[in-house]
Amino acid sequence: MPKLKTKKGVAKRFKLTKRGKIKYSPGGKGHLASCKETKHLRRLRRRDTLTQAKRVKFIKKMLPYR
């Protein structure tokens, strides 16, 4: 059976923790920051964990050897 390929776009955007959770940086902080609230921009700096089971399963399938 051939090796599975990692989806590089997913590999750049998501990281797996040791316990199998998925960490990601939320979008929306690239430009037009002057009209966004400071509290909102601070919250966007943090990394979030993905909690929706269907999406977690889908992303783990695209990161086969991570």
N, C-alpha and C. Protein backbone atom coordinates (compact mmCIF):
# COMPACT_ATOMS: atom_id res chain seq x y z
N MET A 1 0.84 -1.18 0.00
CA MET A 1 0.00 0.00 0.00
C MET A 1 0.89 1.25 0.00
N PRO A 2 0.57 2.24 -0.84
CA PRO A 2 1.43 3.43 -0.92
C PRO A 2 1.31 4.32 0.32
N LYS A 3 2.32 5.15 0.47
CA LYS A 3 2.29 6.10 1.59
C LYS A 3 1.21 7.14 1.36
N LEU A 4 0.64 7.63 2.43
CA LEU A 4 -0.36 8.70 2.34
C LEU A 4 0.35 10.05 2.33
N LYS A 5 -0.20 10.99 1.58
CA LYS A 5 0.41 12.32 1.52
C LYS A 5 -0.27 13.24 2.52
N THR A 6 0.55 14.06 3.17
CA THR A 6 0.04 15.07 4.08
C THR A 6 -0.43 16.26 3.26
N LYS A 7 -1.61 16.81 3.60
CA LYS A 7 -2.09 18.04 2.96
C LYS A 7 -1.31 19.20 3.55
N LYS A 8 -0.46 19.82 2.73
CA LYS A 8 0.47 20.83 3.23
C LYS A 8 -0.23 22.07 3.76
N GLY A 9 -1.35 22.45 3.14
CA GLY A 9 -2.10 23.62 3.63
C GLY A 9 -2.63 23.40 5.04
N VAL A 10 -3.07 22.18 5.30
CA VAL A 10 -3.57 21.83 6.63
C VAL A 10 -2.41 21.75 7.63
N ALA A 11 -1.29 21.21 7.20
CA ALA A 11 -0.12 21.08 8.07
C ALA A 11 0.40 22.44 8.53
N LYS A 12 0.25 23.46 7.68
CA LYS A 12 0.72 24.80 8.03
C LYS A 12 -0.23 25.49 9.00
N ARG A 13 -1.51 25.14 8.94
CA ARG A 13 -2.51 25.86 9.72
C ARG A 13 -2.87 25.18 11.04
N PHE A 14 -2.70 23.88 11.15
CA PHE A 14 -3.11 23.13 12.34
C PHE A 14 -1.95 22.35 12.90
N LYS A 15 -1.90 22.25 14.25
CA LYS A 15 -0.88 21.45 14.93
C LYS A 15 -1.58 20.50 15.87
N LEU A 16 -1.07 19.27 15.94
CA LEU A 16 -1.62 18.28 16.86
C LEU A 16 -0.86 18.33 18.18
N THR A 17 -1.61 18.27 19.29
CA THR A 17 -0.97 18.20 20.60
C THR A 17 -0.66 16.73 20.90
N LYS A 18 0.04 16.48 22.00
CA LYS A 18 0.38 15.10 22.35
C LYS A 18 -0.85 14.27 22.68
N ARG A 19 -1.88 14.92 23.18
CA ARG A 19 -3.10 14.20 23.52
C ARG A 19 -4.07 14.07 22.35
N GLY A 20 -3.68 14.57 21.17
CA GLY A 20 -4.50 14.40 19.98
C GLY A 20 -5.46 15.53 19.70
N LYS A 21 -5.39 16.62 20.48
CA LYS A 21 -6.24 17.77 20.19
C LYS A 21 -5.61 18.58 19.05
N ILE A 22 -6.41 19.40 18.42
CA ILE A 22 -5.93 20.20 17.29
C ILE A 22 -5.91 21.67 17.67
N LYS A 23 -4.73 22.30 17.54
CA LYS A 23 -4.58 23.72 17.82
C LYS A 23 -4.53 24.48 16.51
N TYR A 24 -5.09 25.69 16.52
CA TYR A 24 -5.05 26.53 15.32
C TYR A 24 -5.10 27.99 15.73
N SER A 25 -4.66 28.86 14.85
CA SER A 25 -4.77 30.30 15.06
C SER A 25 -5.98 30.80 14.30
N PRO A 26 -6.89 31.49 14.97
CA PRO A 26 -8.08 31.97 14.27
C PRO A 26 -7.72 33.08 13.27
N GLY A 27 -8.49 33.20 12.24
CA GLY A 27 -8.26 34.22 11.22
C GLY A 27 -8.88 35.54 11.62
N GLY A 28 -8.76 36.51 10.74
CA GLY A 28 -9.43 37.78 10.96
C GLY A 28 -8.56 38.86 11.57
N LYS A 29 -7.24 38.67 11.57
CA LYS A 29 -6.38 39.71 12.13
C LYS A 29 -5.35 40.21 11.12
N GLY A 30 -5.55 39.89 9.86
CA GLY A 30 -4.59 40.25 8.83
C GLY A 30 -4.59 41.72 8.44
N HIS A 31 -5.77 42.30 8.33
CA HIS A 31 -5.85 43.70 7.92
C HIS A 31 -7.15 44.28 8.46
N LEU A 32 -7.34 45.56 8.27
CA LEU A 32 -8.50 46.30 8.80
C LEU A 32 -8.59 46.20 10.32
N ALA A 33 -7.44 46.22 10.99
CA ALA A 33 -7.42 46.08 12.44
C ALA A 33 -7.82 47.36 13.16
N SER A 34 -7.77 48.48 12.47
CA SER A 34 -8.05 49.75 13.14
C SER A 34 -9.51 49.87 13.56
N CYS A 35 -10.41 49.19 12.85
CA CYS A 35 -11.82 49.29 13.21
C CYS A 35 -12.26 48.19 14.17
N LYS A 36 -11.37 47.24 14.49
CA LYS A 36 -11.71 46.17 15.42
C LYS A 36 -11.33 46.58 16.84
N GLU A 37 -12.09 46.07 17.81
CA GLU A 37 -11.82 46.42 19.20
C GLU A 37 -10.52 45.78 19.67
N THR A 38 -9.85 46.46 20.60
CA THR A 38 -8.58 45.97 21.12
C THR A 38 -8.75 44.62 21.81
N LYS A 39 -9.84 44.48 22.54
CA LYS A 39 -10.11 43.22 23.24
C LYS A 39 -10.26 42.06 22.24
N HIS A 40 -10.91 42.35 21.14
CA HIS A 40 -11.11 41.34 20.10
C HIS A 40 -9.78 40.92 19.47
N LEU A 41 -8.91 41.89 19.19
CA LEU A 41 -7.61 41.59 18.60
C LEU A 41 -6.73 40.81 19.57
N ARG A 42 -6.82 41.12 20.87
CA ARG A 42 -6.06 40.35 21.87
C ARG A 42 -6.54 38.90 21.90
N ARG A 43 -7.84 38.71 21.79
CA ARG A 43 -8.40 37.36 21.80
C ARG A 43 -7.97 36.58 20.55
N LEU A 44 -7.80 37.29 19.44
CA LEU A 44 -7.37 36.62 18.20
C LEU A 44 -5.90 36.20 18.24
N ARG A 45 -5.11 36.76 19.15
CA ARG A 45 -3.70 36.39 19.26
C ARG A 45 -3.52 34.98 19.81
N ARG A 46 -4.46 34.54 20.64
CA ARG A 46 -4.35 33.23 21.27
C ARG A 46 -4.62 32.11 20.26
N ARG A 47 -4.06 30.95 20.53
CA ARG A 47 -4.36 29.77 19.73
C ARG A 47 -5.56 29.07 20.37
N ASP A 48 -6.47 28.60 19.54
CA ASP A 48 -7.66 27.89 20.02
C ASP A 48 -7.50 26.41 19.76
N THR A 49 -8.35 25.62 20.41
CA THR A 49 -8.38 24.18 20.11
C THR A 49 -9.70 23.89 19.40
N LEU A 50 -9.63 23.02 18.45
CA LEU A 50 -10.80 22.63 17.68
C LEU A 50 -11.59 21.62 18.49
N THR A 51 -12.89 21.85 18.66
CA THR A 51 -13.68 20.98 19.53
C THR A 51 -14.74 20.18 18.77
N GLN A 52 -15.11 20.61 17.57
CA GLN A 52 -16.16 19.91 16.83
C GLN A 52 -15.63 18.57 16.32
N ALA A 53 -16.25 17.49 16.76
CA ALA A 53 -15.75 16.14 16.50
C ALA A 53 -15.62 15.82 15.02
N LYS A 54 -16.58 16.27 14.22
CA LYS A 54 -16.52 15.97 12.78
C LYS A 54 -15.33 16.64 12.13
N ARG A 55 -15.07 17.89 12.49
CA ARG A 55 -13.94 18.61 11.90
C ARG A 55 -12.61 18.04 12.36
N VAL A 56 -12.54 17.63 13.63
CA VAL A 56 -11.31 17.02 14.16
C VAL A 56 -10.99 15.76 13.38
N LYS A 57 -11.98 14.93 13.15
CA LYS A 57 -11.79 13.68 12.41
C LYS A 57 -11.32 13.97 10.99
N PHE A 58 -11.91 14.98 10.36
CA PHE A 58 -11.59 15.36 8.99
C PHE A 58 -10.15 15.86 8.87
N ILE A 59 -9.72 16.68 9.82
CA ILE A 59 -8.37 17.24 9.78
C ILE A 59 -7.33 16.18 10.12
N LYS A 60 -7.64 15.29 11.05
CA LYS A 60 -6.70 14.22 11.39
C LYS A 60 -6.48 13.29 10.20
N LYS A 61 -7.49 13.15 9.35
CA LYS A 61 -7.35 12.33 8.17
C LYS A 61 -6.37 12.96 7.18
N MET A 62 -6.31 14.29 7.17
CA MET A 62 -5.40 14.99 6.25
C MET A 62 -3.99 15.11 6.80
N LEU A 63 -3.79 14.76 8.08
CA LEU A 63 -2.46 14.75 8.70
C LEU A 63 -2.13 13.33 9.14
N PRO A 64 -1.84 12.43 8.19
CA PRO A 64 -1.74 11.02 8.54
C PRO A 64 -0.58 10.64 9.45
N TYR A 65 0.56 11.30 9.35
CA TYR A 65 1.73 10.86 10.13
C TYR A 65 2.13 11.87 11.19
N ARG A 66 1.21 12.63 11.71
CA ARG A 66 1.53 13.65 12.70
C ARG A 66 1.05 13.20 14.05
